[in-house]
Amino acid sequence: MNSFTSAGDRQRLEAVLRRGKRSGLYSRDQPAIAELVDCADDVLFNKVLDNPYHVLHNSMPNEIMSTYALRRRPHNRELVNKTSHLVESSFVVRMLYKDIY
């Protein structure tokens, strides 16, 4: 999950889902909160990459033109330096470094 949430915040959100499952308001086969957040992050990041008119598109780093095609990458963007915890926590930087290995 996002690094702006604490462990306590995540536990409280999971507790809400558990109560919803017990009361029948949330299906037992539905994903956990961490999976929901990861899926939403992936959808937003792909929309930002694909839409040059998206508000966040200008905050994306430059594209890399590679002459090698060794394996499929999640994106074709330069990786930015992680200089501080705040930079490391930003949405764009987190998504650039997600699943790069």
C-alpha atoms as a PDB file:
ATOM      1  CA  MET A   1       0.000   0.000   0.000  1.00  0.00           C
ATOM      2  CA  ASN A   2       0.866   3.629  -0.124  1.00  0.00           C
ATOM      3  CA  SER A   3       3.708   4.802   2.081  1.00  0.00           C
ATOM      4  CA  PHE A   4       1.577   7.744   3.272  1.00  0.00           C
ATOM      5  CA  THR A   5      -0.544   5.381   5.345  1.00  0.00           C
ATOM      6  CA  SER A   6       0.666   3.994   8.625  1.00  0.00           C
ATOM      7  CA  ALA A   7       0.339   0.385   9.739  1.00  0.00           C
ATOM      8  CA  GLY A   8      -2.465   1.488  12.057  1.00  0.00           C
ATOM      9  CA  ASP A   9      -4.354   3.081   9.158  1.00  0.00           C
ATOM     10  CA  ARG A  10      -4.062  -0.120   7.133  1.00  0.00           C
ATOM     11  CA  GLN A  11      -5.247  -2.228  10.075  1.00  0.00           C
ATOM     12  CA  ARG A  12      -8.287   0.010  10.562  1.00  0.00           C
ATOM     13  CA  LEU A  13      -9.189  -0.248   6.876  1.00  0.00           C
ATOM     14  CA  GLU A  14      -8.829  -4.034   6.969  1.00  0.00           C
ATOM     15  CA  ALA A  15     -11.011  -4.105  10.107  1.00  0.00           C
ATOM     16  CA  VAL A  16     -13.758  -2.246   8.241  1.00  0.00           C
ATOM     17  CA  LEU A  17     -13.652  -4.858   5.479  1.00  0.00           C
ATOM     18  CA  ARG A  18     -13.716  -7.720   8.008  1.00  0.00           C
ATOM     19  CA  ARG A  19     -16.804  -6.210   9.675  1.00  0.00           C
ATOM     20  CA  GLY A  20     -18.409  -5.810   6.267  1.00  0.00           C
ATOM     21  CA  LYS A  21     -17.743  -9.473   5.476  1.00  0.00           C
ATOM     22  CA  ARG A  22     -19.173 -10.626   8.818  1.00  0.00           C
ATOM     23  CA  SER A  23     -22.324  -8.575   8.327  1.00  0.00           C
ATOM     24  CA  GLY A  24     -22.750  -9.679   4.716  1.00  0.00           C
ATOM     25  CA  LEU A  25     -22.203  -6.239   3.197  1.00  0.00           C
ATOM     26  CA  TYR A  26     -18.882  -7.205   1.576  1.00  0.00           C
ATOM     27  CA  SER A  27     -18.478 -10.513  -0.222  1.00  0.00           C
ATOM     28  CA  ARG A  28     -15.923 -12.952   1.221  1.00  0.00           C
ATOM     29  CA  ASP A  29     -14.325 -13.510  -2.191  1.00  0.00           C
ATOM     30  CA  GLN A  30     -13.623  -9.793  -2.700  1.00  0.00           C
ATOM     31  CA  PRO A  31      -9.981  -8.636  -2.514  1.00  0.00           C
ATOM     32  CA  ALA A  32      -8.304  -7.125   0.529  1.00  0.00           C
ATOM     33  CA  ILE A  33      -7.749  -3.373   0.804  1.00  0.00           C
ATOM     34  CA  ALA A  34      -4.083  -3.643  -0.247  1.00  0.00           C
ATOM     35  CA  GLU A  35      -5.074  -5.428  -3.450  1.00  0.00           C
ATOM     36  CA  LEU A  36      -7.749  -2.825  -4.193  1.00  0.00           C
ATOM     37  CA  VAL A  37      -5.260   0.013  -3.748  1.00  0.00           C
ATOM     38  CA  ASP A  38      -2.614  -1.718  -5.905  1.00  0.00           C
ATOM     39  CA  CYS A  39      -5.135  -2.315  -8.673  1.00  0.00           C
ATOM     40  CA  ALA A  40      -6.323   1.309  -8.563  1.00  0.00           C
ATOM     41  CA  ASP A  41      -2.703   2.537  -8.672  1.00  0.00           C
ATOM     42  CA  ASP A  42      -1.977   0.366 -11.723  1.00  0.00           C
ATOM     43  CA  VAL A  43      -5.076   1.596 -13.546  1.00  0.00           C
ATOM     44  CA  LEU A  44      -4.249   5.253 -12.853  1.00  0.00           C
ATOM     45  CA  PHE A  45      -0.584   4.839 -13.852  1.00  0.00           C
ATOM     46  CA  ASN A  46      -1.547   3.201 -17.157  1.00  0.00           C
ATOM     47  CA  LYS A  47      -4.018   5.999 -17.866  1.00  0.00           C
ATOM     48  CA  VAL A  48      -1.320   8.596 -17.167  1.00  0.00           C
ATOM     49  CA  LEU A  49       1.111   6.807 -19.494  1.00  0.00           C
ATOM     50  CA  ASP A  50      -1.427   6.422 -22.301  1.00  0.00           C
ATOM     51  CA  ASN A  51      -3.045   9.863 -22.192  1.00  0.00           C
ATOM     52  CA  PRO A  52      -0.751  12.808 -23.045  1.00  0.00           C
ATOM     53  CA  TYR A  53      -3.505  15.209 -21.891  1.00  0.00           C
ATOM     54  CA  HIS A  54      -3.757  13.715 -18.395  1.00  0.00           C
ATOM     55  CA  VAL A  55      -2.952  16.163 -15.583  1.00  0.00           C
ATOM     56  CA  LEU A  56      -0.137  13.945 -14.254  1.00  0.00           C
ATOM     57  CA  HIS A  57       1.403  13.226 -17.651  1.00  0.00           C
ATOM     58  CA  ASN A  58       3.721  16.256 -17.430  1.00  0.00           C
ATOM     59  CA  SER A  59       5.181  14.928 -14.169  1.00  0.00           C
ATOM     60  CA  MET A  60       6.366  11.749 -15.921  1.00  0.00           C
ATOM     61  CA  PRO A  61      10.081  11.482 -16.760  1.00  0.00           C
ATOM     62  CA  ASN A  62      11.284  11.294 -20.354  1.00  0.00           C
ATOM     63  CA  GLU A  63      10.879   8.171 -22.443  1.00  0.00           C
ATOM     64  CA  ILE A  64      13.886   5.918 -23.029  1.00  0.00           C
ATOM     65  CA  MET A  65      14.579   4.741 -26.547  1.00  0.00           C
ATOM     66  CA  SER A  66      16.390   1.443 -26.072  1.00  0.00           C
ATOM     67  CA  THR A  67      18.035  -0.457 -28.909  1.00  0.00           C
ATOM     68  CA  TYR A  68      17.836  -3.701 -26.937  1.00  0.00           C
ATOM     69  CA  ALA A  69      14.674  -5.732 -26.580  1.00  0.00           C
ATOM     70  CA  LEU A  70      15.648  -8.178 -23.864  1.00  0.00           C
ATOM     71  CA  ARG A  71      12.322  -8.387 -22.039  1.00  0.00           C
ATOM     72  CA  ARG A  72       9.083  -6.474 -21.693  1.00  0.00           C
ATOM     73  CA  ARG A  73       9.233  -3.619 -19.182  1.00  0.00           C
ATOM     74  CA  PRO A  74       6.277  -2.165 -17.261  1.00  0.00           C
ATOM     75  CA  HIS A  75       7.058   1.264 -18.744  1.00  0.00           C
ATOM     76  CA  ASN A  76       9.516   2.978 -21.090  1.00  0.00           C
ATOM     77  CA  ARG A  77      10.455   5.866 -18.795  1.00  0.00           C
ATOM     78  CA  GLU A  78      13.689   6.958 -17.151  1.00  0.00           C
ATOM     79  CA  LEU A  79      14.052   6.103 -13.478  1.00  0.00           C
ATOM     80  CA  VAL A  80      14.447   9.133 -11.250  1.00  0.00           C
ATOM     81  CA  ASN A  81      16.826   9.299  -8.306  1.00  0.00           C
ATOM     82  CA  LYS A  82      15.297   8.663  -4.911  1.00  0.00           C
ATOM     83  CA  THR A  83      16.819  11.580  -3.029  1.00  0.00           C
ATOM     84  CA  SER A  84      14.480  11.717  -0.028  1.00  0.00           C
ATOM     85  CA  HIS A  85      11.632   9.858   1.616  1.00  0.00           C
ATOM     86  CA  LEU A  86       9.156  12.381   0.218  1.00  0.00           C
ATOM     87  CA  VAL A  87      10.353  11.810  -3.352  1.00  0.00           C
ATOM     88  CA  GLU A  88      10.326   8.061  -2.782  1.00  0.00           C
ATOM     89  CA  SER A  89       6.724   8.282  -1.583  1.00  0.00           C
ATOM     90  CA  SER A  90       5.375  10.168  -4.590  1.00  0.00           C
ATOM     91  CA  PHE A  91       2.939   8.306  -6.799  1.00  0.00           C
ATOM     92  CA  VAL A  92       4.966   8.616 -10.001  1.00  0.00           C
ATOM     93  CA  VAL A  93       8.235   7.457  -8.419  1.00  0.00           C
ATOM     94  CA  ARG A  94       6.566   4.544  -6.613  1.00  0.00           C
ATOM     95  CA  MET A  95       4.966   3.371  -9.847  1.00  0.00           C
ATOM     96  CA  LEU A  96       8.160   3.798 -11.879  1.00  0.00           C
ATOM     97  CA  TYR A  97      10.011   1.483  -9.496  1.00  0.00           C
ATOM     98  CA  LYS A  98       7.171  -1.018  -9.081  1.00  0.00           C
ATOM     99  CA  ASP A  99       7.786  -4.416 -10.732  1.00  0.00           C
ATOM    100  CA  ILE A 100      10.998  -3.364 -12.473  1.00  0.00           C
ATOM    101  CA  TYR A 101      12.781  -6.620 -11.739  1.00  0.00           C
END
